Amino acid sequence: MFSEDYISFLLKGKIATDGEATDVYYDNGYVYVADGSNGLVVIDPGLQDKDNTKYKVSPSIKGTCAVTGTAVKVVVSGNYAYVAAKDGGLSIVDISDPADPTVAGAIAGTDISDARSVRVSGNYAYVADGANGLKVVNISDKSDPVLAGSTALDGTAMDLSIAGTRAYVAAGSGGFHVVDISDPTAPERFSGYAQPPYDNDVKGIYAAISDADSSYTLIWVSAGENGLAFFSHPPGVGPQYIAGADSYGDAKQTAVFGDYAFIADSADGLLATMVNTQSGQTDSWDWLSGVVPTNLHQVIYTSEGAGCMVECIDGREKHSVWGIFKNMFDKVQKLVEPWL
């Protein structure tokens, strides 16, 4: 359904990359793109003053770095980018000079053979390693990362999120798992959720500690054809289903900013919904009708196979249902015209 609260996504600029852009991370003025067979790409988004939303921007490629395997996920911590590269394992890239990123170290082979996603906390990198479950890598020495711990999980570990001393792992047909990482060398699954319909296609996950009660974790799950689901995780019990909504396409990834959850919905573009980060106590939501007419694989910045797209969220506007569709049509025309 469409809400009367309308989020307008404005395309500010775009740039093609040579590979298959599947993930993005923004840090300290630069956009880092996991570019498939092309490795890591560093992009200067060309952003102007943050209050200037009137003019287009001209993103440019600042630097590139080849990695072993196929780069599918990237996160940045300090002067290093951590790249999950499927059968290439995990690469650690020195980005202290964004124009000349270089591989500092890597771990692959029998330790990590199907890296799908990565998150970093302290001196450890946590890797969703496909059918191999969750892997924990000691990254104290960037030139020599070593496997510190692991735990097997049902399904295929595809994505993960860290909240406090817990790792939340999206596991495809295994639903999602909660892993205790209070001791990174001995991660242990202690809870999870795998009930229909969120037991067959869980692709992405985002977890955050509640603003209102730090003993609660809030969880957003991207569940393929079943859309977006929202859970809370109180102390002493497993994750509790709160609300869910089918999206229009194939929900691949979710990110949460302030009061909004954004979902990359494959060919149906980028959707948004209101969320309650205070308590998560909501029994329903409807989709806000902001849509980017492109095949998105990740949220906000990047589209599958099409490089980097720099966008701006232009607040909330009020529209009738007819106005919403007209607004969407007008935006499609404006997006296409500059590149005809």
C-alpha atoms as a PDB file:
ATOM      1  CA  MET A   1       0.000   0.000   0.000  1.00  0.00           C
ATOM      2  CA  PHE A   2       1.051   3.597  -0.345  1.00  0.00           C
ATOM      3  CA  SER A   3       1.278   6.038   2.499  1.00  0.00           C
ATOM      4  CA  GLU A   4       0.253   9.675   2.307  1.00  0.00           C
ATOM      5  CA  ASP A   5       3.719  10.425   3.715  1.00  0.00           C
ATOM      6  CA  TYR A   6       5.892  10.425   0.639  1.00  0.00           C
ATOM      7  CA  ILE A   7       9.671  10.220   0.623  1.00  0.00           C
ATOM      8  CA  SER A   8      11.201  11.665  -2.500  1.00  0.00           C
ATOM      9  CA  PHE A   9      14.437  10.080  -3.719  1.00  0.00           C
ATOM     10  CA  LEU A  10      16.380  12.486  -5.907  1.00  0.00           C
ATOM     11  CA  LEU A  11      19.066  11.166  -8.213  1.00  0.00           C
ATOM     12  CA  LYS A  12      22.015  13.535  -7.807  1.00  0.00           C
ATOM     13  CA  GLY A  13      24.558  11.827 -10.054  1.00  0.00           C
ATOM     14  CA  LYS A  14      25.997   8.489 -11.086  1.00  0.00           C
ATOM     15  CA  ILE A  15      29.175   6.862 -12.328  1.00  0.00           C
ATOM     16  CA  ALA A  16      29.775   3.516 -14.005  1.00  0.00           C
ATOM     17  CA  THR A  17      32.280   1.019 -12.631  1.00  0.00           C
ATOM     18  CA  ASP A  18      34.007  -1.741 -14.577  1.00  0.00           C
ATOM     19  CA  GLY A  19      32.730  -4.601 -12.438  1.00  0.00           C
ATOM     20  CA  GLU A  20      29.430  -5.587 -10.844  1.00  0.00           C
ATOM     21  CA  ALA A  21      28.662  -3.186  -8.006  1.00  0.00           C
ATOM     22  CA  THR A  22      26.923  -5.104  -5.228  1.00  0.00           C
ATOM     23  CA  ASP A  23      27.662  -3.247  -2.013  1.00  0.00           C
ATOM     24  CA  VAL A  24      28.742   0.144  -0.723  1.00  0.00           C
ATOM     25  CA  TYR A  25      30.112   1.799   2.384  1.00  0.00           C
ATOM     26  CA  TYR A  26      30.425   5.525   3.009  1.00  0.00           C
ATOM     27  CA  ASP A  27      33.243   6.742   5.240  1.00  0.00           C
ATOM     28  CA  ASN A  28      35.022  10.046   5.749  1.00  0.00           C
ATOM     29  CA  GLY A  29      33.963  11.611   2.473  1.00  0.00           C
ATOM     30  CA  TYR A  30      34.478   8.612   0.200  1.00  0.00           C
ATOM     31  CA  VAL A  31      32.250   5.843  -1.143  1.00  0.00           C
ATOM     32  CA  TYR A  32      33.747   2.347  -1.132  1.00  0.00           C
ATOM     33  CA  VAL A  33      32.180  -0.070  -3.609  1.00  0.00           C
ATOM     34  CA  ALA A  34      32.482  -3.854  -3.669  1.00  0.00           C
ATOM     35  CA  ASP A  35      32.665  -4.153  -7.449  1.00  0.00           C
ATOM     36  CA  GLY A  36      32.576  -7.887  -8.102  1.00  0.00           C
ATOM     37  CA  SER A  37      35.371  -9.047 -10.390  1.00  0.00           C
ATOM     38  CA  ASN A  38      36.802  -5.507 -10.335  1.00  0.00           C
ATOM     39  CA  GLY A  39      37.589  -5.664  -6.612  1.00  0.00           C
ATOM     40  CA  LEU A  40      37.310  -2.519  -4.496  1.00  0.00           C
ATOM     41  CA  VAL A  41      36.553   0.879  -6.032  1.00  0.00           C
ATOM     42  CA  VAL A  42      36.978   4.140  -4.114  1.00  0.00           C
ATOM     43  CA  ILE A  43      34.704   6.942  -5.313  1.00  0.00           C
ATOM     44  CA  ASP A  44      34.665  10.622  -4.536  1.00  0.00           C
ATOM     45  CA  PRO A  45      30.892  11.304  -4.536  1.00  0.00           C
ATOM     46  CA  GLY A  46      31.388  14.942  -5.474  1.00  0.00           C
ATOM     47  CA  LEU A  47      29.016  16.112  -2.759  1.00  0.00           C
ATOM     48  CA  GLN A  48      28.579  19.837  -2.339  1.00  0.00           C
ATOM     49  CA  ASP A  49      27.465  21.620   0.803  1.00  0.00           C
ATOM     50  CA  LYS A  50      25.125  19.288   2.694  1.00  0.00           C
ATOM     51  CA  ASP A  51      22.322  21.839   2.527  1.00  0.00           C
ATOM     52  CA  ASN A  52      22.658  22.244  -1.220  1.00  0.00           C
ATOM     53  CA  THR A  53      20.213  19.811  -2.817  1.00  0.00           C
ATOM     54  CA  LYS A  54      19.567  21.899  -5.899  1.00  0.00           C
ATOM     55  CA  TYR A  55      22.384  20.872  -8.211  1.00  0.00           C
ATOM     56  CA  LYS A  56      23.652  17.572  -9.584  1.00  0.00           C
ATOM     57  CA  VAL A  57      26.963  16.163  -8.444  1.00  0.00           C
ATOM     58  CA  SER A  58      29.751  14.574 -10.452  1.00  0.00           C
ATOM     59  CA  PRO A  59      31.156  11.501  -8.692  1.00  0.00           C
ATOM     60  CA  SER A  60      34.593  10.351  -9.820  1.00  0.00           C
ATOM     61  CA  ILE A  61      36.688   7.241  -9.299  1.00  0.00           C
ATOM     62  CA  LYS A  62      39.483   8.008  -6.865  1.00  0.00           C
ATOM     63  CA  GLY A  63      41.227   4.622  -6.788  1.00  0.00           C
ATOM     64  CA  THR A  64      40.815   0.888  -7.349  1.00  0.00           C
ATOM     65  CA  CYS A  65      42.261  -2.249  -5.813  1.00  0.00           C
ATOM     66  CA  ALA A  66      42.056  -5.797  -7.161  1.00  0.00           C
ATOM     67  CA  VAL A  67      41.309  -8.536  -4.649  1.00  0.00           C
ATOM     68  CA  THR A  68      41.272 -12.294  -4.969  1.00  0.00           C
ATOM     69  CA  GLY A  69      37.771 -13.597  -5.678  1.00  0.00           C
ATOM     70  CA  THR A  70      34.569 -11.635  -6.289  1.00  0.00           C
ATOM     71  CA  ALA A  71      34.063  -8.597  -4.076  1.00  0.00           C
ATOM     72  CA  VAL A  72      30.479  -8.667  -2.757  1.00  0.00           C
ATOM     73  CA  LYS A  73      30.558  -6.748   0.551  1.00  0.00           C
ATOM     74  CA  VAL A  74      32.686  -4.026   2.071  1.00  0.00           C
ATOM     75  CA  VAL A  75      32.954  -2.216   5.399  1.00  0.00           C
ATOM     76  CA  VAL A  76      35.451   0.402   6.509  1.00  0.00           C
ATOM     77  CA  SER A  77      37.063   0.719   9.930  1.00  0.00           C
ATOM     78  CA  GLY A  78      39.833   3.218  10.473  1.00  0.00           C
ATOM     79  CA  ASN A  79      42.311   3.199   7.595  1.00  0.00           C
ATOM     80  CA  TYR A  80      41.224  -0.188   6.285  1.00  0.00           C
ATOM     81  CA  ALA A  81      38.454  -1.562   4.098  1.00  0.00           C
ATOM     82  CA  TYR A  82      37.390  -5.149   4.699  1.00  0.00           C
ATOM     83  CA  VAL A  83      36.177  -6.895   1.558  1.00  0.00           C
ATOM     84  CA  ALA A  84      34.201 -10.143   1.533  1.00  0.00           C
ATOM     85  CA  ALA A  85      35.033 -11.823  -1.776  1.00  0.00           C
ATOM     86  CA  LYS A  86      33.237 -15.185  -1.797  1.00  0.00           C
ATOM     87  CA  ASP A  87      35.778 -17.919  -2.676  1.00  0.00           C
ATOM     88  CA  GLY A  88      38.532 -15.282  -2.346  1.00  0.00           C
ATOM     89  CA  GLY A  89      37.810 -15.062   1.380  1.00  0.00           C
ATOM     90  CA  LEU A  90      38.411 -11.804   3.244  1.00  0.00           C
ATOM     91  CA  SER A  91      40.800  -9.114   2.003  1.00  0.00           C
ATOM     92  CA  ILE A  92      42.009  -6.218   4.144  1.00  0.00           C
ATOM     93  CA  VAL A  93      42.755  -3.137   2.044  1.00  0.00           C
ATOM     94  CA  ASP A  94      44.837  -0.193   3.271  1.00  0.00           C
ATOM     95  CA  ILE A  95      42.904   2.962   2.295  1.00  0.00           C
ATOM     96  CA  SER A  96      45.074   5.505   4.102  1.00  0.00           C
ATOM     97  CA  ASP A  97      45.648   6.912   0.612  1.00  0.00           C
ATOM     98  CA  PRO A  98      42.243   6.623  -1.102  1.00  0.00           C
ATOM     99  CA  ALA A  99      43.912   7.226  -4.472  1.00  0.00           C
ATOM    100  CA  ASP A 100      46.154   4.193  -4.014  1.00  0.00           C
ATOM    101  CA  PRO A 101      44.398   1.471  -2.004  1.00  0.00           C
ATOM    102  CA  THR A 102      46.515  -1.666  -1.534  1.00  0.00           C
ATOM    103  CA  VAL A 103      45.881  -5.106  -0.075  1.00  0.00           C
ATOM    104  CA  ALA A 104      47.488  -5.332   3.365  1.00  0.00           C
ATOM    105  CA  GLY A 105      46.506  -8.916   4.102  1.00  0.00           C
ATOM    106  CA  ALA A 106      43.984 -11.646   3.339  1.00  0.00           C
ATOM    107  CA  ILE A 107      42.582 -14.902   4.677  1.00  0.00           C
ATOM    108  CA  ALA A 108      40.978 -17.548   2.472  1.00  0.00           C
ATOM    109  CA  GLY A 109      41.201 -21.245   1.584  1.00  0.00           C
ATOM    110  CA  THR A 110      40.047 -23.670   4.261  1.00  0.00           C
ATOM    111  CA  ASP A 111      39.626 -20.827   6.769  1.00  0.00           C
ATOM    112  CA  ILE A 112      37.133 -18.803   4.701  1.00  0.00           C
ATOM    113  CA  SER A 113      35.896 -20.147   1.381  1.00  0.00           C
ATOM    114  CA  ASP A 114      32.563 -18.428   0.686  1.00  0.00           C
ATOM    115  CA  ALA A 115      32.646 -14.950   2.243  1.00  0.00           C
ATOM    116  CA  ARG A 116      29.248 -13.291   1.687  1.00  0.00           C
ATOM    117  CA  SER A 117      29.364 -10.440   4.212  1.00  0.00           C
ATOM    118  CA  VAL A 118      31.650  -8.883   6.815  1.00  0.00           C
ATOM    119  CA  ARG A 119      31.391  -6.675   9.889  1.00  0.00           C
ATOM    120  CA  VAL A 120      34.163  -5.354  12.137  1.00  0.00           C
ATOM    121  CA  SER A 121      34.154  -4.834  15.893  1.00  0.00           C
ATOM    122  CA  GLY A 122      37.341  -4.062  17.777  1.00  0.00           C
ATOM    123  CA  ASN A 123      40.172  -6.371  16.761  1.00  0.00           C
ATOM    124  CA  TYR A 124      37.886  -8.872  15.070  1.00  0.00           C
ATOM    125  CA  ALA A 125      36.183  -9.212  11.712  1.00  0.00           C
ATOM    126  CA  TYR A 126      33.040 -11.330  11.546  1.00  0.00           C
ATOM    127  CA  VAL A 127      32.378 -13.085   8.249  1.00  0.00           C
ATOM    128  CA  ALA A 128      29.209 -14.758   6.952  1.00  0.00           C
ATOM    129  CA  ASP A 129      30.872 -17.706   5.228  1.00  0.00           C
ATOM    130  CA  GLY A 130      27.997 -19.290   3.320  1.00  0.00           C
ATOM    131  CA  ALA A 131      27.402 -22.937   4.204  1.00  0.00           C
ATOM    132  CA  ASN A 132      30.369 -22.729   6.587  1.00  0.00           C
ATOM    133  CA  GLY A 133      28.517 -20.545   9.094  1.00  0.00           C
ATOM    134  CA  LEU A 134      30.032 -17.636  11.007  1.00  0.00           C
ATOM    135  CA  LYS A 135      33.788 -17.112  11.035  1.00  0.00           C
ATOM    136  CA  VAL A 136      35.681 -14.769  13.384  1.00  0.00           C
ATOM    137  CA  VAL A 137      39.023 -13.368  12.241  1.00  0.00           C
ATOM    138  CA  ASN A 138      41.627 -11.731  14.465  1.00  0.00           C
ATOM    139  CA  ILE A 139      42.683  -8.596  12.562  1.00  0.00           C
ATOM    140  CA  SER A 140      45.137  -7.189  15.114  1.00  0.00           C
ATOM    141  CA  ASP A 141      47.878  -7.698  12.531  1.00  0.00           C
ATOM    142  CA  LYS A 142      46.396  -6.454   9.266  1.00  0.00           C
ATOM    143  CA  SER A 143      49.142  -8.126   7.280  1.00  0.00           C
ATOM    144  CA  ASP A 144      48.428 -11.524   8.849  1.00  0.00           C
ATOM    145  CA  PRO A 145      44.738 -12.007   9.739  1.00  0.00           C
ATOM    146  CA  VAL A 146      44.127 -15.348  11.435  1.00  0.00           C
ATOM    147  CA  LEU A 147      41.010 -17.400  12.111  1.00  0.00           C
ATOM    148  CA  ALA A 148      40.097 -16.975  15.782  1.00  0.00           C
ATOM    149  CA  GLY A 149      36.806 -18.856  16.020  1.00  0.00           C
ATOM    150  CA  SER A 150      33.824 -20.224  14.119  1.00  0.00           C
ATOM    151  CA  THR A 151      30.405 -21.753  14.553  1.00  0.00           C
ATOM    152  CA  ALA A 152      28.293 -23.854  12.203  1.00  0.00           C
ATOM    153  CA  LEU A 153      24.776 -22.620  11.440  1.00  0.00           C
ATOM    154  CA  ASP A 154      21.753 -24.085   9.683  1.00  0.00           C
ATOM    155  CA  GLY A 155      21.232 -22.662   6.199  1.00  0.00           C
ATOM    156  CA  THR A 156      23.616 -20.428   4.267  1.00  0.00           C
ATOM    157  CA  ALA A 157      25.150 -17.479   6.093  1.00  0.00           C
ATOM    158  CA  MET A 158      24.516 -14.553   3.738  1.00  0.00           C
ATOM    159  CA  ASP A 159      24.635 -11.403   5.830  1.00  0.00           C
ATOM    160  CA  LEU A 160      25.230 -10.341   9.408  1.00  0.00           C
ATOM    161  CA  SER A 161      24.910  -7.441  11.797  1.00  0.00           C
ATOM    162  CA  ILE A 162      26.606  -6.811  15.141  1.00  0.00           C
ATOM    163  CA  ALA A 163      24.741  -5.395  18.151  1.00  0.00           C
ATOM    164  CA  GLY A 164      26.672  -5.386  21.402  1.00  0.00           C
ATOM    165  CA  THR A 165      27.983  -8.866  22.127  1.00  0.00           C
ATOM    166  CA  ARG A 166      25.673 -10.556  19.628  1.00  0.00           C
ATOM    167  CA  ALA A 167      25.989 -11.312  15.953  1.00  0.00           C
ATOM    168  CA  TYR A 168      22.735 -11.619  13.992  1.00  0.00           C
ATOM    169  CA  VAL A 169      23.195 -13.789  10.905  1.00  0.00           C
ATOM    170  CA  ALA A 170      20.811 -14.016   7.932  1.00  0.00           C
ATOM    171  CA  ALA A 171      20.949 -17.623   6.779  1.00  0.00           C
ATOM    172  CA  GLY A 172      18.653 -18.094   3.782  1.00  0.00           C
ATOM    173  CA  SER A 173      16.642 -21.265   4.362  1.00  0.00           C
ATOM    174  CA  GLY A 174      17.878 -21.326   7.958  1.00  0.00           C
ATOM    175  CA  GLY A 175      16.027 -18.132   8.893  1.00  0.00           C
ATOM    176  CA  PHE A 176      18.295 -16.008  11.058  1.00  0.00           C
ATOM    177  CA  HIS A 177      20.536 -16.851  13.989  1.00  0.00           C
ATOM    178  CA  VAL A 178      21.699 -15.066  17.124  1.00  0.00           C
ATOM    179  CA  VAL A 179      25.290 -15.816  18.056  1.00  0.00           C
ATOM    180  CA  ASP A 180      26.958 -14.905  21.341  1.00  0.00           C
ATOM    181  CA  ILE A 181      30.290 -13.257  20.504  1.00  0.00           C
ATOM    182  CA  SER A 182      31.190 -12.085  24.021  1.00  0.00           C
ATOM    183  CA  ASP A 183      34.199 -14.364  23.561  1.00  0.00           C
ATOM    184  CA  PRO A 184      35.159 -13.887  19.895  1.00  0.00           C
ATOM    185  CA  THR A 185      37.344 -16.985  19.992  1.00  0.00           C
ATOM    186  CA  ALA A 186      34.358 -19.149  20.945  1.00  0.00           C
ATOM    187  CA  PRO A 187      31.221 -17.837  19.179  1.00  0.00           C
ATOM    188  CA  GLU A 188      28.135 -19.794  20.145  1.00  0.00           C
ATOM    189  CA  ARG A 189      24.647 -19.814  18.685  1.00  0.00           C
ATOM    190  CA  PHE A 190      22.066 -19.447  21.420  1.00  0.00           C
ATOM    191  CA  SER A 191      18.902 -18.364  19.663  1.00  0.00           C
ATOM    192  CA  GLY A 192      17.295 -17.629  16.319  1.00  0.00           C
ATOM    193  CA  TYR A 193      14.111 -17.570  14.262  1.00  0.00           C
ATOM    194  CA  ALA A 194      13.092 -19.890  11.440  1.00  0.00           C
ATOM    195  CA  GLN A 195       9.307 -19.905  11.317  1.00  0.00           C
ATOM    196  CA  PRO A 196       7.227 -19.458   8.146  1.00  0.00           C
ATOM    197  CA  PRO A 197       7.391 -17.350   6.109  1.00  0.00           C
ATOM    198  CA  TYR A 198      10.799 -16.227   7.381  1.00  0.00           C
ATOM    199  CA  ASP A 199      12.413 -19.619   7.102  1.00  0.00           C
ATOM    200  CA  ASN A 200      13.279 -19.941   3.434  1.00  0.00           C
ATOM    201  CA  ASP A 201      14.796 -16.781   1.945  1.00  0.00           C
ATOM    202  CA  VAL A 202      16.386 -14.556   4.594  1.00  0.00           C
ATOM    203  CA  LYS A 203      18.956 -12.518   2.655  1.00  0.00           C
ATOM    204  CA  GLY A 204      19.761  -9.452   4.730  1.00  0.00           C
ATOM    205  CA  ILE A 205      19.671  -8.381   8.361  1.00  0.00           C
ATOM    206  CA  TYR A 206      20.143  -5.191  10.375  1.00  0.00           C
ATOM    207  CA  ALA A 207      20.244  -5.145  14.177  1.00  0.00           C
ATOM    208  CA  ALA A 208      20.500  -2.261  16.635  1.00  0.00           C
ATOM    209  CA  ILE A 209      20.250  -1.888  20.391  1.00  0.00           C
ATOM    210  CA  SER A 210      17.027  -0.133  21.393  1.00  0.00           C
ATOM    211  CA  ASP A 211      17.316   3.549  22.264  1.00  0.00           C
ATOM    212  CA  ALA A 212      14.787   3.099  25.047  1.00  0.00           C
ATOM    213  CA  ASP A 213      16.086  -0.092  26.669  1.00  0.00           C
ATOM    214  CA  SER A 214      19.640  -1.297  26.045  1.00  0.00           C
ATOM    215  CA  SER A 215      18.665  -4.834  27.042  1.00  0.00           C
ATOM    216  CA  TYR A 216      16.517  -5.061  23.888  1.00  0.00           C
ATOM    217  CA  THR A 217      17.778  -5.488  20.341  1.00  0.00           C
ATOM    218  CA  LEU A 218      15.683  -4.463  17.333  1.00  0.00           C
ATOM    219  CA  ILE A 219      16.046  -6.547  14.184  1.00  0.00           C
ATOM    220  CA  TRP A 220      15.021  -5.866  10.571  1.00  0.00           C
ATOM    221  CA  VAL A 221      15.118  -8.816   8.174  1.00  0.00           C
ATOM    222  CA  SER A 222      15.073  -8.777   4.362  1.00  0.00           C
ATOM    223  CA  ALA A 223      13.258 -11.933   3.345  1.00  0.00           C
ATOM    224  CA  GLY A 224      13.247 -12.096  -0.448  1.00  0.00           C
ATOM    225  CA  GLU A 225       9.747 -12.518  -1.830  1.00  0.00           C
ATOM    226  CA  ASN A 226       8.338 -12.189   1.691  1.00  0.00           C
ATOM    227  CA  GLY A 227       9.506  -8.577   2.017  1.00  0.00           C
ATOM    228  CA  LEU A 228      10.617  -6.957   5.262  1.00  0.00           C
ATOM    229  CA  ALA A 229      10.058  -8.269   8.796  1.00  0.00           C
ATOM    230  CA  PHE A 230      10.692  -6.591  12.128  1.00  0.00           C
ATOM    231  CA  PHE A 231      11.607  -8.369  15.380  1.00  0.00           C
ATOM    232  CA  SER A 232      12.539  -7.389  18.901  1.00  0.00           C
ATOM    233  CA  HIS A 233      14.933  -9.439  20.998  1.00  0.00           C
ATOM    234  CA  PRO A 234      14.264  -9.016  24.726  1.00  0.00           C
ATOM    235  CA  PRO A 235      16.573 -10.538  27.329  1.00  0.00           C
ATOM    236  CA  GLY A 236      16.031 -14.164  28.281  1.00  0.00           C
ATOM    237  CA  VAL A 237      13.960 -15.221  25.251  1.00  0.00           C
ATOM    238  CA  GLY A 238      14.379 -15.643  21.531  1.00  0.00           C
ATOM    239  CA  PRO A 239      13.585 -13.011  18.875  1.00  0.00           C
ATOM    240  CA  GLN A 240       9.931 -11.931  18.907  1.00  0.00           C
ATOM    241  CA  TYR A 241       8.094 -11.227  15.654  1.00  0.00           C
ATOM    242  CA  ILE A 242       6.503  -7.755  15.709  1.00  0.00           C
ATOM    243  CA  ALA A 243       5.421  -6.844  12.193  1.00  0.00           C
ATOM    244  CA  GLY A 244       6.023  -7.616   8.554  1.00  0.00           C
ATOM    245  CA  ALA A 245       5.043  -6.374   5.123  1.00  0.00           C
ATOM    246  CA  ASP A 246       5.450  -7.921   1.714  1.00  0.00           C
ATOM    247  CA  SER A 247       7.322  -5.664  -0.663  1.00  0.00           C
ATOM    248  CA  TYR A 248       6.838  -5.450  -4.402  1.00  0.00           C
ATOM    249  CA  GLY A 249       9.935  -7.368  -5.498  1.00  0.00           C
ATOM    250  CA  ASP A 250      12.748  -9.426  -3.998  1.00  0.00           C
ATOM    251  CA  ALA A 251      13.937  -7.904  -0.702  1.00  0.00           C
ATOM    252  CA  LYS A 252      17.733  -8.163  -0.665  1.00  0.00           C
ATOM    253  CA  GLN A 253      19.060  -5.692   1.878  1.00  0.00           C
ATOM    254  CA  THR A 254      17.903  -3.368   4.629  1.00  0.00           C
ATOM    255  CA  ALA A 255      19.444  -0.328   6.265  1.00  0.00           C
ATOM    256  CA  VAL A 256      17.979   1.811   9.045  1.00  0.00           C
ATOM    257  CA  PHE A 257      18.557   5.553   9.440  1.00  0.00           C
ATOM    258  CA  GLY A 258      16.728   7.451  12.142  1.00  0.00           C
ATOM    259  CA  ASP A 259      13.001   6.854  11.806  1.00  0.00           C
ATOM    260  CA  TYR A 260      13.186   5.126   8.427  1.00  0.00           C
ATOM    261  CA  ALA A 261      14.031   1.645   7.216  1.00  0.00           C
ATOM    262  CA  PHE A 262      15.180   1.465   3.601  1.00  0.00           C
ATOM    263  CA  ILE A 263      14.928  -1.744   1.622  1.00  0.00           C
ATOM    264  CA  ALA A 264      16.622  -2.672  -1.640  1.00  0.00           C
ATOM    265  CA  ASP A 265      13.847  -4.495  -3.441  1.00  0.00           C
ATOM    266  CA  SER A 266      15.652  -5.720  -6.547  1.00  0.00           C
ATOM    267  CA  ALA A 267      13.926  -4.678  -9.798  1.00  0.00           C
ATOM    268  CA  ASP A 268      11.271  -2.782  -7.866  1.00  0.00           C
ATOM    269  CA  GLY A 269      13.816  -0.290  -6.600  1.00  0.00           C
ATOM    270  CA  LEU A 270      14.311   1.372  -3.245  1.00  0.00           C
ATOM    271  CA  LEU A 271      11.447   1.450  -0.745  1.00  0.00           C
ATOM    272  CA  ALA A 272      11.117   2.989   2.692  1.00  0.00           C
ATOM    273  CA  THR A 273       8.922   2.583   5.744  1.00  0.00           C
ATOM    274  CA  MET A 274       8.649   4.361   9.077  1.00  0.00           C
ATOM    275  CA  VAL A 275      10.195   2.546  12.032  1.00  0.00           C
ATOM    276  CA  ASN A 276      10.142   3.068  15.767  1.00  0.00           C
ATOM    277  CA  THR A 277      13.692   2.879  17.038  1.00  0.00           C
ATOM    278  CA  GLN A 278      12.631   3.733  20.585  1.00  0.00           C
ATOM    279  CA  SER A 279      10.849   0.530  21.443  1.00  0.00           C
ATOM    280  CA  GLY A 280       9.898  -1.257  18.258  1.00  0.00           C
ATOM    281  CA  GLN A 281       6.380  -1.615  19.609  1.00  0.00           C
ATOM    282  CA  THR A 282       4.379  -1.357  16.421  1.00  0.00           C
ATOM    283  CA  ASP A 283       1.892  -3.803  15.018  1.00  0.00           C
ATOM    284  CA  SER A 284       1.850  -2.661  11.402  1.00  0.00           C
ATOM    285  CA  TRP A 285       3.401  -0.374   8.836  1.00  0.00           C
ATOM    286  CA  ASP A 286       2.869   0.580   5.245  1.00  0.00           C
ATOM    287  CA  TRP A 287       5.405   1.350   2.567  1.00  0.00           C
ATOM    288  CA  LEU A 288       6.249   4.935   1.880  1.00  0.00           C
ATOM    289  CA  SER A 289       6.171   5.367  -1.851  1.00  0.00           C
ATOM    290  CA  GLY A 290       9.661   6.556  -2.623  1.00  0.00           C
ATOM    291  CA  VAL A 291      10.908   4.428  -5.508  1.00  0.00           C
ATOM    292  CA  VAL A 292      14.100   4.531  -7.555  1.00  0.00           C
ATOM    293  CA  PRO A 293      13.342   2.920 -10.933  1.00  0.00           C
ATOM    294  CA  THR A 294      16.467   0.783 -11.166  1.00  0.00           C
ATOM    295  CA  ASN A 295      17.536  -2.717 -10.227  1.00  0.00           C
ATOM    296  CA  LEU A 296      19.009  -2.090  -6.785  1.00  0.00           C
ATOM    297  CA  HIS A 297      21.152  -4.615  -4.989  1.00  0.00           C
ATOM    298  CA  GLN A 298      22.124  -2.448  -2.057  1.00  0.00           C
ATOM    299  CA  VAL A 299      20.702   0.529  -0.258  1.00  0.00           C
ATOM    300  CA  ILE A 300      21.090   4.228  -1.142  1.00  0.00           C
ATOM    301  CA  TYR A 301      24.264   4.393  -3.215  1.00  0.00           C
ATOM    302  CA  THR A 302      24.765   1.438  -5.537  1.00  0.00           C
ATOM    303  CA  SER A 303      22.847  -0.471  -8.166  1.00  0.00           C
ATOM    304  CA  GLU A 304      23.531  -4.015  -9.304  1.00  0.00           C
ATOM    305  CA  GLY A 305      25.984  -4.070 -12.169  1.00  0.00           C
ATOM    306  CA  ALA A 306      25.570  -0.357 -12.850  1.00  0.00           C
ATOM    307  CA  GLY A 307      28.194   1.268 -10.673  1.00  0.00           C
ATOM    308  CA  CYS A 308      27.574   3.921  -8.077  1.00  0.00           C
ATOM    309  CA  MET A 309      24.505   6.123  -7.833  1.00  0.00           C
ATOM    310  CA  VAL A 310      24.530   9.109  -5.487  1.00  0.00           C
ATOM    311  CA  GLU A 311      21.126   9.991  -4.157  1.00  0.00           C
ATOM    312  CA  CYS A 312      19.536  12.390  -1.708  1.00  0.00           C
ATOM    313  CA  ILE A 313      16.507  11.874   0.499  1.00  0.00           C
ATOM    314  CA  ASP A 314      14.398  14.989   0.250  1.00  0.00           C
ATOM    315  CA  GLY A 315      12.261  14.869   3.384  1.00  0.00           C
ATOM    316  CA  ARG A 316       8.581  13.996   3.625  1.00  0.00           C
ATOM    317  CA  GLU A 317       5.939  15.456   1.378  1.00  0.00           C
ATOM    318  CA  LYS A 318       2.192  15.063   1.291  1.00  0.00           C
ATOM    319  CA  HIS A 319       0.539  13.705  -1.833  1.00  0.00           C
ATOM    320  CA  SER A 320      -2.729  12.127  -2.823  1.00  0.00           C
ATOM    321  CA  VAL A 321      -2.585   8.632  -4.322  1.00  0.00           C
ATOM    322  CA  TRP A 322      -2.862  10.154  -7.789  1.00  0.00           C
ATOM    323  CA  GLY A 323      -0.202  12.691  -6.895  1.00  0.00           C
ATOM    324  CA  ILE A 324       2.106   9.912  -5.782  1.00  0.00           C
ATOM    325  CA  PHE A 325       1.930   8.112  -9.114  1.00  0.00           C
ATOM    326  CA  LYS A 326       2.255  11.352 -11.058  1.00  0.00           C
ATOM    327  CA  ASN A 327       5.255  12.310  -8.950  1.00  0.00           C
ATOM    328  CA  MET A 328       6.873   8.933  -9.634  1.00  0.00           C
ATOM    329  CA  PHE A 329       6.247   9.306 -13.376  1.00  0.00           C
ATOM    330  CA  ASP A 330       7.770  12.778 -13.399  1.00  0.00           C
ATOM    331  CA  LYS A 331      10.842  11.500 -11.569  1.00  0.00           C
ATOM    332  CA  VAL A 332      11.350   8.688 -14.073  1.00  0.00           C
ATOM    333  CA  GLN A 333      11.380  11.241 -16.870  1.00  0.00           C
ATOM    334  CA  LYS A 334      13.841  13.486 -15.021  1.00  0.00           C
ATOM    335  CA  LEU A 335      16.127  10.534 -14.303  1.00  0.00           C
ATOM    336  CA  VAL A 336      16.248   9.428 -17.911  1.00  0.00           C
ATOM    337  CA  GLU A 337      16.432  12.719 -19.768  1.00  0.00           C
ATOM    338  CA  PRO A 338      19.990  13.824 -18.770  1.00  0.00           C
ATOM    339  CA  TRP A 339      21.497  10.595 -20.151  1.00  0.00           C
ATOM    340  CA  LEU A 340      19.554  10.253 -23.393  1.00  0.00           C
END
